[in-house]
Amino acid sequence: MTILVKVFGDLRKKIEGSNVTNSLPLNKHIESDGIETISDILNKFAIEKEETSHLFVNGMYSGFNKKVKDGDRVGLFPKNMSVLYKWYFTRNEDE
């Protein structure tokens, strides 16, 4: 099975083989083997935590340790696309 990773803004340039010519998010299906958390996804694409502002799993504001599984949708937003989510919503983290 796969996980759908939607990569926004400047982070799209970090994805090998991506051709960023528009403002749409990059949709990347990845195999879930060996992927347990959002941090694992960031590591797979060589994205540093400091480069991100907001992370979502299935539409829920999430943190780096949020567990992911087959069929999940993950959104990765860069620092230059930050919004006020962190002021108003609690990150959904798995312990």
Protein backbone atom coordinates (compact mmCIF):
# COMPACT_ATOMS: atom_id res chain seq x y z
CA MET A 1 0.00 0.00 0.00
CA THR A 2 0.98 3.62 -0.31
CA ILE A 3 0.83 6.95 1.47
CA LEU A 4 -0.06 10.07 -0.51
CA VAL A 5 2.34 12.90 0.29
CA LYS A 6 1.28 16.36 -0.88
CA VAL A 7 4.30 18.65 -0.95
CA PHE A 8 3.72 22.41 -1.11
CA GLY A 9 5.77 25.45 -2.05
CA ASP A 10 9.56 25.41 -1.99
CA LEU A 11 9.64 21.90 -0.52
CA ARG A 12 8.62 20.57 -3.95
CA LYS A 13 12.15 21.33 -5.17
CA LYS A 14 13.52 18.79 -2.68
CA ILE A 15 11.73 15.89 -4.36
CA GLU A 16 13.98 14.10 -6.82
CA GLY A 17 12.61 14.12 -10.35
CA SER A 18 9.99 16.79 -9.67
CA ASN A 19 9.39 19.44 -12.30
CA VAL A 20 8.06 22.51 -10.49
CA THR A 21 6.48 24.73 -13.13
CA ASN A 22 3.26 25.78 -11.42
CA SER A 23 1.87 26.60 -8.00
CA LEU A 24 0.06 23.30 -7.47
CA PRO A 25 1.18 20.89 -4.76
CA LEU A 26 3.28 17.93 -5.82
CA ASN A 27 1.41 14.66 -5.22
CA LYS A 28 3.79 11.81 -4.49
CA HIS A 29 2.70 8.26 -3.67
CA ILE A 30 5.27 6.46 -1.54
CA GLU A 31 5.41 2.90 -0.30
CA SER A 32 4.57 2.66 3.38
CA ASP A 33 7.25 0.02 4.07
CA GLY A 34 9.64 1.40 6.69
CA ILE A 35 7.60 4.59 7.14
CA GLU A 36 6.14 4.97 10.64
CA THR A 37 6.03 8.74 11.30
CA ILE A 38 6.07 12.06 9.50
CA SER A 39 9.76 12.32 10.45
CA ASP A 40 10.41 9.19 8.39
CA ILE A 41 8.79 10.84 5.37
CA LEU A 42 10.91 13.97 5.84
CA ASN A 43 14.04 11.82 6.06
CA LYS A 44 13.07 9.95 2.88
CA PHE A 45 13.01 13.23 0.96
CA ALA A 46 16.01 14.80 2.79
CA ILE A 47 13.79 17.57 4.17
CA GLU A 48 15.03 19.10 7.43
CA LYS A 49 12.46 19.68 10.17
CA GLU A 50 13.50 23.34 10.26
CA GLU A 51 12.39 23.72 6.63
CA THR A 52 8.76 22.92 7.48
CA SER A 53 6.06 25.01 9.09
CA HIS A 54 2.95 22.84 9.08
CA LEU A 55 2.35 19.13 8.75
CA PHE A 56 -1.00 17.46 8.25
CA VAL A 57 -2.18 13.84 8.32
CA ASN A 58 -5.64 13.28 6.86
CA GLY A 59 -6.43 16.97 7.29
CA MET A 60 -5.40 17.09 10.96
CA TYR A 61 -2.62 19.46 12.07
CA SER A 62 0.15 17.09 13.16
CA GLY A 63 3.65 16.94 14.55
CA PHE A 64 6.84 15.17 13.52
CA ASN A 65 6.10 12.08 15.63
CA LYS A 66 2.60 11.54 14.26
CA LYS A 67 2.24 7.95 13.12
CA VAL A 68 1.23 7.33 9.51
CA LYS A 69 -0.13 4.21 7.83
CA ASP A 70 -1.28 2.82 4.51
CA GLY A 71 -3.84 5.04 2.81
CA ASP A 72 -3.01 8.20 4.80
CA ARG A 73 -2.71 11.62 3.16
CA VAL A 74 0.19 13.73 4.41
CA GLY A 75 0.64 17.45 3.69
CA LEU A 76 4.05 19.12 4.03
CA PHE A 77 4.23 22.94 4.06
CA PRO A 78 7.47 24.98 4.01
CA LYS A 79 8.39 27.81 6.39
CA ASN A 80 7.52 30.49 3.84
CA MET A 81 3.93 29.23 3.70
CA SER A 82 3.24 29.30 7.44
CA VAL A 83 -0.18 30.26 8.72
CA LEU A 84 -1.60 30.77 12.19
CA TYR A 85 -2.42 27.10 12.80
CA LYS A 86 0.17 26.74 15.53
CA TRP A 87 -1.43 29.58 17.48
CA TYR A 88 -4.96 28.20 17.40
CA PHE A 89 -4.72 24.43 17.00
CA THR A 90 -2.88 21.79 18.98
CA ARG A 91 -0.66 19.45 17.03
CA ASN A 92 -1.92 15.90 16.90
CA GLU A 93 1.10 13.88 18.07
CA ASP A 94 1.32 10.20 18.84
CA GLU A 95 3.20 9.46 22.01
